[in-house]
Amino acid sequence: MAELTMDELSRKMAKLDYAMLTTRSGAGVLTARPMSNNGDVAYEGTSYFFAYADSRKVSDIRADAAVTLGYTGAAGMLGGPPLFVSVEGRAALIDDKAQFEAHWTKDLDRYFPQGIDTPGIVMIAVGAGRIRYWDGGDEGEIGA
């Protein structure tokens, strides 16, 4: 059972488009929703997502920046088990258009029709504190 490096895990995560972002509401309730990383996984421990500033997930993050991301991949070769990744971290809200541009992909135009100039857009940057993964018979933890 070999431990994966951050670079090795990054390459595997690049194939996982969706994560479940879990936040805690002001009432203390945990809520998860799917978020697309749009292939932006040159991973050094930070994940980037776009949202509208008036969304519930953004208000949850403003109240409590502790979040979890859950990724699941498709079945492995020969029907083997998929890759599972859990990222515990802290979310930051970014409203800098230069940063938007650095993480923007054309696929986001579907949700944000005016691109980085869409009114009310914000980027969520989740900095990993701890990453756990399960990849077939291998599992491990990477701490930031």
N, C-alpha and C. Protein backbone atom coordinates (compact mmCIF):
# COMPACT_ATOMS: atom_id res chain seq x y z
N MET A 1 0.84 -1.17 0.00
CA MET A 1 0.00 0.00 0.00
C MET A 1 0.89 1.24 0.00
N ALA A 2 0.99 1.93 -1.15
CA ALA A 2 1.86 3.09 -1.28
C ALA A 2 1.08 4.38 -1.01
N GLU A 3 1.71 5.26 -0.27
CA GLU A 3 1.11 6.58 -0.02
C GLU A 3 1.24 7.43 -1.27
N LEU A 4 0.18 8.13 -1.63
CA LEU A 4 0.23 9.03 -2.78
C LEU A 4 0.84 10.36 -2.37
N THR A 5 1.57 10.98 -3.29
CA THR A 5 2.04 12.35 -3.07
C THR A 5 0.93 13.30 -3.50
N MET A 6 1.05 14.57 -3.15
CA MET A 6 0.06 15.57 -3.56
C MET A 6 -0.01 15.63 -5.09
N ASP A 7 1.12 15.54 -5.76
CA ASP A 7 1.14 15.58 -7.22
C ASP A 7 0.42 14.38 -7.82
N GLU A 8 0.66 13.19 -7.29
CA GLU A 8 -0.02 11.99 -7.79
C GLU A 8 -1.53 12.08 -7.57
N LEU A 9 -1.92 12.53 -6.40
CA LEU A 9 -3.34 12.67 -6.10
C LEU A 9 -3.97 13.72 -7.02
N SER A 10 -3.26 14.81 -7.27
CA SER A 10 -3.74 15.87 -8.16
C SER A 10 -4.07 15.32 -9.54
N ARG A 11 -3.17 14.51 -10.08
CA ARG A 11 -3.40 13.94 -11.42
C ARG A 11 -4.63 13.05 -11.44
N LYS A 12 -4.85 12.31 -10.37
CA LYS A 12 -6.04 11.46 -10.30
C LYS A 12 -7.31 12.31 -10.13
N MET A 13 -7.22 13.38 -9.33
CA MET A 13 -8.38 14.24 -9.09
C MET A 13 -8.77 15.05 -10.32
N ALA A 14 -7.85 15.27 -11.25
CA ALA A 14 -8.16 16.04 -12.46
C ALA A 14 -9.27 15.38 -13.26
N LYS A 15 -9.47 14.08 -13.07
CA LYS A 15 -10.52 13.35 -13.78
C LYS A 15 -11.86 13.43 -13.06
N LEU A 16 -11.90 14.00 -11.87
CA LEU A 16 -13.13 14.09 -11.07
C LEU A 16 -13.71 15.49 -11.21
N ASP A 17 -14.79 15.63 -11.96
CA ASP A 17 -15.32 16.96 -12.23
C ASP A 17 -16.12 17.53 -11.07
N TYR A 18 -16.88 16.70 -10.39
CA TYR A 18 -17.79 17.24 -9.36
C TYR A 18 -17.36 16.86 -7.96
N ALA A 19 -17.59 17.80 -7.06
CA ALA A 19 -17.39 17.57 -5.64
C ALA A 19 -18.69 17.93 -4.93
N MET A 20 -18.91 17.33 -3.80
CA MET A 20 -20.00 17.76 -2.92
C MET A 20 -19.36 18.70 -1.89
N LEU A 21 -19.80 19.96 -1.91
CA LEU A 21 -19.33 20.98 -0.97
C LEU A 21 -20.28 21.00 0.21
N THR A 22 -19.75 20.71 1.41
CA THR A 22 -20.57 20.71 2.62
C THR A 22 -20.22 21.92 3.47
N THR A 23 -21.26 22.68 3.83
CA THR A 23 -21.11 23.85 4.69
C THR A 23 -22.02 23.66 5.91
N ARG A 24 -21.83 24.53 6.89
CA ARG A 24 -22.70 24.54 8.07
C ARG A 24 -23.50 25.83 8.04
N SER A 25 -24.81 25.71 8.13
CA SER A 25 -25.68 26.88 8.11
C SER A 25 -25.61 27.61 9.45
N GLY A 26 -26.16 28.80 9.49
CA GLY A 26 -26.22 29.57 10.73
C GLY A 26 -26.95 28.83 11.84
N ALA A 27 -27.89 27.94 11.46
CA ALA A 27 -28.64 27.15 12.43
C ALA A 27 -27.89 25.88 12.84
N GLY A 28 -26.68 25.69 12.28
CA GLY A 28 -25.87 24.53 12.64
C GLY A 28 -26.13 23.29 11.81
N VAL A 29 -26.98 23.39 10.81
CA VAL A 29 -27.31 22.24 9.96
C VAL A 29 -26.26 22.09 8.87
N LEU A 30 -25.79 20.85 8.64
CA LEU A 30 -24.86 20.57 7.55
C LEU A 30 -25.63 20.44 6.25
N THR A 31 -25.13 21.10 5.20
CA THR A 31 -25.78 21.07 3.90
C THR A 31 -24.72 20.83 2.83
N ALA A 32 -25.01 19.90 1.91
CA ALA A 32 -24.08 19.59 0.82
C ALA A 32 -24.76 19.86 -0.51
N ARG A 33 -23.95 20.30 -1.48
CA ARG A 33 -24.43 20.50 -2.83
C ARG A 33 -23.31 20.25 -3.81
N PRO A 34 -23.66 19.82 -5.05
CA PRO A 34 -22.62 19.55 -6.04
C PRO A 34 -22.02 20.83 -6.59
N MET A 35 -20.72 20.79 -6.78
CA MET A 35 -19.98 21.93 -7.36
C MET A 35 -19.01 21.36 -8.38
N SER A 36 -18.86 22.04 -9.51
CA SER A 36 -17.94 21.60 -10.54
C SER A 36 -16.62 22.33 -10.41
N ASN A 37 -15.51 21.58 -10.47
CA ASN A 37 -14.20 22.22 -10.46
C ASN A 37 -13.73 22.54 -11.88
N ASN A 38 -14.54 22.14 -12.88
CA ASN A 38 -14.26 22.44 -14.29
C ASN A 38 -12.84 22.08 -14.71
N GLY A 39 -12.32 21.01 -14.14
CA GLY A 39 -10.99 20.56 -14.53
C GLY A 39 -9.87 21.40 -13.95
N ASP A 40 -10.19 22.36 -13.08
CA ASP A 40 -9.18 23.25 -12.49
C ASP A 40 -8.59 22.56 -11.27
N VAL A 41 -7.76 21.54 -11.52
CA VAL A 41 -7.20 20.75 -10.43
C VAL A 41 -5.69 20.61 -10.60
N ALA A 42 -5.01 21.70 -10.89
CA ALA A 42 -3.54 21.69 -10.81
C ALA A 42 -3.29 21.81 -9.31
N TYR A 43 -3.47 20.73 -8.62
CA TYR A 43 -3.75 20.74 -7.19
C TYR A 43 -2.51 20.85 -6.33
N GLU A 44 -2.49 21.89 -5.53
CA GLU A 44 -1.47 22.05 -4.52
C GLU A 44 -2.13 22.13 -3.15
N GLY A 45 -3.44 21.89 -3.16
CA GLY A 45 -4.19 21.91 -1.90
C GLY A 45 -5.33 22.90 -1.88
N THR A 46 -5.55 23.64 -2.97
CA THR A 46 -6.66 24.59 -3.03
C THR A 46 -7.57 24.23 -4.19
N SER A 47 -8.87 24.20 -3.91
CA SER A 47 -9.89 23.94 -4.92
C SER A 47 -10.66 25.23 -5.17
N TYR A 48 -11.05 25.45 -6.44
CA TYR A 48 -11.73 26.70 -6.82
C TYR A 48 -13.08 26.41 -7.44
N PHE A 49 -14.09 27.17 -7.00
CA PHE A 49 -15.45 27.05 -7.50
C PHE A 49 -16.03 28.45 -7.65
N PHE A 50 -17.02 28.58 -8.52
CA PHE A 50 -17.70 29.86 -8.70
C PHE A 50 -19.13 29.75 -8.23
N ALA A 51 -19.67 30.85 -7.70
CA ALA A 51 -21.04 30.88 -7.19
C ALA A 51 -21.55 32.31 -7.25
N TYR A 52 -22.83 32.46 -6.98
CA TYR A 52 -23.40 33.79 -6.84
C TYR A 52 -23.27 34.22 -5.38
N ALA A 53 -22.92 35.48 -5.17
CA ALA A 53 -22.67 35.99 -3.82
C ALA A 53 -23.89 35.91 -2.92
N ASP A 54 -25.09 35.92 -3.50
CA ASP A 54 -26.30 35.87 -2.68
C ASP A 54 -26.83 34.45 -2.46
N SER A 55 -26.02 33.43 -2.80
CA SER A 55 -26.45 32.04 -2.62
C SER A 55 -26.30 31.60 -1.16
N ARG A 56 -27.03 30.56 -0.82
CA ARG A 56 -26.97 30.05 0.55
C ARG A 56 -25.58 29.55 0.91
N LYS A 57 -24.89 28.89 -0.04
CA LYS A 57 -23.56 28.36 0.27
C LYS A 57 -22.60 29.48 0.63
N VAL A 58 -22.73 30.63 -0.04
CA VAL A 58 -21.85 31.77 0.26
C VAL A 58 -22.20 32.35 1.62
N SER A 59 -23.48 32.47 1.94
CA SER A 59 -23.83 32.99 3.28
C SER A 59 -23.38 32.02 4.37
N ASP A 60 -23.46 30.71 4.09
CA ASP A 60 -22.95 29.72 5.06
C ASP A 60 -21.44 29.92 5.29
N ILE A 61 -20.70 30.12 4.21
CA ILE A 61 -19.24 30.30 4.31
C ILE A 61 -18.90 31.58 5.05
N ARG A 62 -19.67 32.63 4.81
CA ARG A 62 -19.44 33.89 5.55
C ARG A 62 -19.59 33.68 7.05
N ALA A 63 -20.51 32.82 7.45
CA ALA A 63 -20.76 32.55 8.88
C ALA A 63 -19.77 31.56 9.47
N ASP A 64 -19.31 30.59 8.65
CA ASP A 64 -18.40 29.55 9.14
C ASP A 64 -17.60 29.04 7.95
N ALA A 65 -16.33 29.35 7.91
CA ALA A 65 -15.48 29.02 6.75
C ALA A 65 -15.04 27.56 6.70
N ALA A 66 -15.33 26.77 7.74
CA ALA A 66 -14.95 25.35 7.73
C ALA A 66 -15.88 24.59 6.77
N VAL A 67 -15.28 23.90 5.80
CA VAL A 67 -16.05 23.16 4.80
C VAL A 67 -15.40 21.80 4.55
N THR A 68 -16.16 20.94 3.87
CA THR A 68 -15.65 19.66 3.43
C THR A 68 -16.02 19.48 1.97
N LEU A 69 -15.09 18.90 1.19
CA LEU A 69 -15.35 18.54 -0.19
C LEU A 69 -15.28 17.02 -0.29
N GLY A 70 -16.25 16.41 -0.95
CA GLY A 70 -16.24 14.98 -1.18
C GLY A 70 -16.25 14.69 -2.67
N TYR A 71 -15.25 13.95 -3.14
CA TYR A 71 -15.13 13.58 -4.55
C TYR A 71 -15.27 12.07 -4.69
N THR A 72 -15.94 11.63 -5.75
CA THR A 72 -16.03 10.22 -6.07
C THR A 72 -15.80 10.05 -7.56
N GLY A 73 -14.93 9.12 -7.92
CA GLY A 73 -14.65 8.87 -9.33
C GLY A 73 -15.45 7.69 -9.85
N ALA A 74 -15.37 7.49 -11.14
CA ALA A 74 -16.00 6.34 -11.77
C ALA A 74 -15.24 5.07 -11.37
N ALA A 75 -15.85 3.94 -11.63
CA ALA A 75 -15.20 2.67 -11.32
C ALA A 75 -13.86 2.58 -12.03
N GLY A 76 -12.90 1.96 -11.38
CA GLY A 76 -11.56 1.83 -11.92
C GLY A 76 -11.50 0.79 -13.03
N MET A 77 -10.29 0.54 -13.50
CA MET A 77 -10.09 -0.44 -14.55
C MET A 77 -10.61 -1.81 -14.12
N LEU A 78 -11.16 -2.52 -15.06
CA LEU A 78 -11.69 -3.87 -14.85
C LEU A 78 -12.75 -3.89 -13.76
N GLY A 79 -13.48 -2.78 -13.62
CA GLY A 79 -14.56 -2.71 -12.64
C GLY A 79 -14.10 -2.56 -11.21
N GLY A 80 -12.84 -2.19 -11.03
CA GLY A 80 -12.31 -1.99 -9.67
C GLY A 80 -12.97 -0.81 -8.98
N PRO A 81 -12.71 -0.64 -7.72
CA PRO A 81 -13.34 0.44 -6.96
C PRO A 81 -12.87 1.81 -7.45
N PRO A 82 -13.74 2.81 -7.32
CA PRO A 82 -13.38 4.16 -7.74
C PRO A 82 -12.49 4.85 -6.72
N LEU A 83 -11.99 6.01 -7.12
CA LEU A 83 -11.23 6.89 -6.23
C LEU A 83 -12.22 7.71 -5.40
N PHE A 84 -12.00 7.76 -4.11
CA PHE A 84 -12.77 8.62 -3.20
C PHE A 84 -11.78 9.59 -2.55
N VAL A 85 -12.18 10.86 -2.46
CA VAL A 85 -11.32 11.86 -1.82
C VAL A 85 -12.19 12.73 -0.92
N SER A 86 -11.73 12.97 0.29
CA SER A 86 -12.39 13.88 1.23
C SER A 86 -11.39 14.96 1.62
N VAL A 87 -11.79 16.21 1.41
CA VAL A 87 -10.94 17.36 1.72
C VAL A 87 -11.59 18.17 2.82
N GLU A 88 -10.91 18.31 3.94
CA GLU A 88 -11.37 19.19 5.01
C GLU A 88 -10.57 20.47 4.91
N GLY A 89 -11.25 21.61 4.90
CA GLY A 89 -10.51 22.85 4.75
C GLY A 89 -11.30 24.07 5.15
N ARG A 90 -10.74 25.21 4.77
CA ARG A 90 -11.36 26.50 5.04
C ARG A 90 -11.60 27.20 3.72
N ALA A 91 -12.78 27.78 3.60
CA ALA A 91 -13.16 28.47 2.37
C ALA A 91 -12.93 29.96 2.52
N ALA A 92 -12.46 30.56 1.44
CA ALA A 92 -12.32 32.02 1.35
C ALA A 92 -13.13 32.47 0.15
N LEU A 93 -13.72 33.64 0.25
CA LEU A 93 -14.51 34.21 -0.85
C LEU A 93 -13.67 35.29 -1.53
N ILE A 94 -13.57 35.18 -2.84
CA ILE A 94 -12.71 36.08 -3.62
C ILE A 94 -13.58 36.79 -4.64
N ASP A 95 -13.42 38.12 -4.73
CA ASP A 95 -14.18 38.88 -5.73
C ASP A 95 -13.27 39.67 -6.66
N ASP A 96 -12.09 39.17 -6.89
CA ASP A 96 -11.08 39.80 -7.75
C ASP A 96 -11.15 39.22 -9.16
N LYS A 97 -11.49 40.05 -10.15
CA LYS A 97 -11.66 39.56 -11.53
C LYS A 97 -10.38 38.98 -12.12
N ALA A 98 -9.23 39.47 -11.71
CA ALA A 98 -7.97 38.89 -12.20
C ALA A 98 -7.86 37.44 -11.72
N GLN A 99 -8.26 37.18 -10.49
CA GLN A 99 -8.26 35.80 -9.98
C GLN A 99 -9.33 34.96 -10.67
N PHE A 100 -10.49 35.57 -10.95
CA PHE A 100 -11.53 34.85 -11.70
C PHE A 100 -10.95 34.35 -13.01
N GLU A 101 -10.30 35.25 -13.73
CA GLU A 101 -9.78 34.93 -15.05
C GLU A 101 -8.76 33.78 -14.98
N ALA A 102 -7.97 33.76 -13.92
CA ALA A 102 -6.95 32.71 -13.78
C ALA A 102 -7.57 31.32 -13.60
N HIS A 103 -8.82 31.26 -13.15
CA HIS A 103 -9.46 29.97 -12.87
C HIS A 103 -10.71 29.73 -13.73
N TRP A 104 -10.96 30.59 -14.69
CA TRP A 104 -12.17 30.50 -15.50
C TRP A 104 -11.99 29.49 -16.62
N THR A 105 -13.05 28.75 -16.91
CA THR A 105 -13.10 27.90 -18.10
C THR A 105 -14.37 28.25 -18.86
N LYS A 106 -14.34 28.03 -20.14
CA LYS A 106 -15.47 28.39 -21.00
C LYS A 106 -16.76 27.69 -20.56
N ASP A 107 -16.65 26.50 -19.99
CA ASP A 107 -17.84 25.77 -19.54
C ASP A 107 -18.64 26.54 -18.49
N LEU A 108 -17.99 27.44 -17.76
CA LEU A 108 -18.68 28.22 -16.74
C LEU A 108 -19.68 29.22 -17.32
N ASP A 109 -19.53 29.56 -18.61
CA ASP A 109 -20.45 30.50 -19.25
C ASP A 109 -21.89 30.00 -19.19
N ARG A 110 -22.06 28.70 -19.08
CA ARG A 110 -23.40 28.11 -18.97
C ARG A 110 -24.12 28.62 -17.72
N TYR A 111 -23.39 28.80 -16.64
CA TYR A 111 -23.97 29.23 -15.37
C TYR A 111 -23.84 30.74 -15.13
N PHE A 112 -22.83 31.32 -15.74
CA PHE A 112 -22.53 32.74 -15.55
C PHE A 112 -22.41 33.37 -16.94
N PRO A 113 -23.57 33.77 -17.53
CA PRO A 113 -23.62 34.13 -18.95
C PRO A 113 -22.77 35.32 -19.37
N GLN A 114 -22.38 36.17 -18.44
CA GLN A 114 -21.53 37.31 -18.80
C GLN A 114 -20.07 37.05 -18.41
N GLY A 115 -19.72 35.79 -18.24
CA GLY A 115 -18.34 35.44 -17.90
C GLY A 115 -17.93 36.05 -16.58
N ILE A 116 -16.68 36.48 -16.50
CA ILE A 116 -16.18 37.04 -15.24
C ILE A 116 -16.82 38.37 -14.90
N ASP A 117 -17.58 38.95 -15.85
CA ASP A 117 -18.29 40.21 -15.61
C ASP A 117 -19.73 39.99 -15.16
N THR A 118 -20.12 38.74 -14.93
CA THR A 118 -21.48 38.45 -14.46
C THR A 118 -21.69 39.13 -13.11
N PRO A 119 -22.74 39.94 -12.98
CA PRO A 119 -23.00 40.60 -11.70
C PRO A 119 -23.21 39.59 -10.58
N GLY A 120 -22.64 39.86 -9.42
CA GLY A 120 -22.86 39.05 -8.23
C GLY A 120 -22.07 37.76 -8.16
N ILE A 121 -21.07 37.61 -9.02
CA ILE A 121 -20.28 36.38 -9.01
C ILE A 121 -19.17 36.47 -7.95
N VAL A 122 -18.86 35.33 -7.37
CA VAL A 122 -17.77 35.24 -6.39
C VAL A 122 -17.07 33.89 -6.60
N MET A 123 -15.80 33.85 -6.29
CA MET A 123 -15.06 32.59 -6.37
C MET A 123 -14.84 32.07 -4.95
N ILE A 124 -15.07 30.78 -4.78
CA ILE A 124 -14.83 30.12 -3.50
C ILE A 124 -13.50 29.36 -3.63
N ALA A 125 -12.55 29.68 -2.78
CA ALA A 125 -11.27 28.99 -2.75
C ALA A 125 -11.23 28.17 -1.46
N VAL A 126 -11.14 26.85 -1.60
CA VAL A 126 -11.09 25.98 -0.42
C VAL A 126 -9.65 25.50 -0.24
N GLY A 127 -9.02 25.97 0.82
CA GLY A 127 -7.67 25.55 1.16
C GLY A 127 -7.73 24.30 2.03
N ALA A 128 -7.07 23.25 1.56
CA ALA A 128 -7.12 21.96 2.27
C ALA A 128 -6.32 22.01 3.56
N GLY A 129 -6.90 21.50 4.61
CA GLY A 129 -6.19 21.28 5.86
C GLY A 129 -5.79 19.83 5.99
N ARG A 130 -6.69 18.94 5.53
CA ARG A 130 -6.43 17.50 5.58
C ARG A 130 -7.16 16.85 4.40
N ILE A 131 -6.46 15.95 3.73
CA ILE A 131 -7.04 15.22 2.61
C ILE A 131 -6.93 13.73 2.91
N ARG A 132 -8.06 13.04 2.82
CA ARG A 132 -8.08 11.58 2.96
C ARG A 132 -8.49 11.02 1.62
N TYR A 133 -7.90 9.91 1.23
CA TYR A 133 -8.26 9.29 -0.05
C TYR A 133 -8.30 7.78 0.10
N TRP A 134 -9.13 7.18 -0.78
CA TRP A 134 -9.26 5.74 -0.89
C TRP A 134 -9.19 5.43 -2.37
N ASP A 135 -8.21 4.66 -2.79
CA ASP A 135 -7.99 4.36 -4.20
C ASP A 135 -7.76 2.87 -4.34
N GLY A 136 -8.84 2.14 -4.56
CA GLY A 136 -8.71 0.68 -4.58
C GLY A 136 -8.31 0.18 -3.21
N GLY A 137 -7.23 -0.58 -3.14
CA GLY A 137 -6.74 -1.08 -1.85
C GLY A 137 -5.87 -0.07 -1.11
N ASP A 138 -5.55 1.04 -1.77
CA ASP A 138 -4.71 2.06 -1.14
C ASP A 138 -5.58 3.13 -0.46
N GLU A 139 -5.13 3.55 0.67
CA GLU A 139 -5.75 4.69 1.32
C GLU A 139 -4.69 5.45 2.08
N GLY A 140 -4.96 6.71 2.28
CA GLY A 140 -3.96 7.51 2.99
C GLY A 140 -4.49 8.88 3.33
N GLU A 141 -3.60 9.65 3.91
CA GLU A 141 -3.93 11.00 4.37
C GLU A 141 -2.77 11.91 4.03
N ILE A 142 -3.12 13.08 3.55
CA ILE A 142 -2.14 14.12 3.28
C ILE A 142 -2.55 15.34 4.11
N GLY A 143 -1.69 15.77 4.99
CA GLY A 143 -1.97 16.95 5.80
C GLY A 143 -1.30 18.16 5.21
N ALA A 144 -1.99 19.26 5.25
CA ALA A 144 -1.40 20.50 4.71
C ALA A 144 -0.62 21.22 5.78
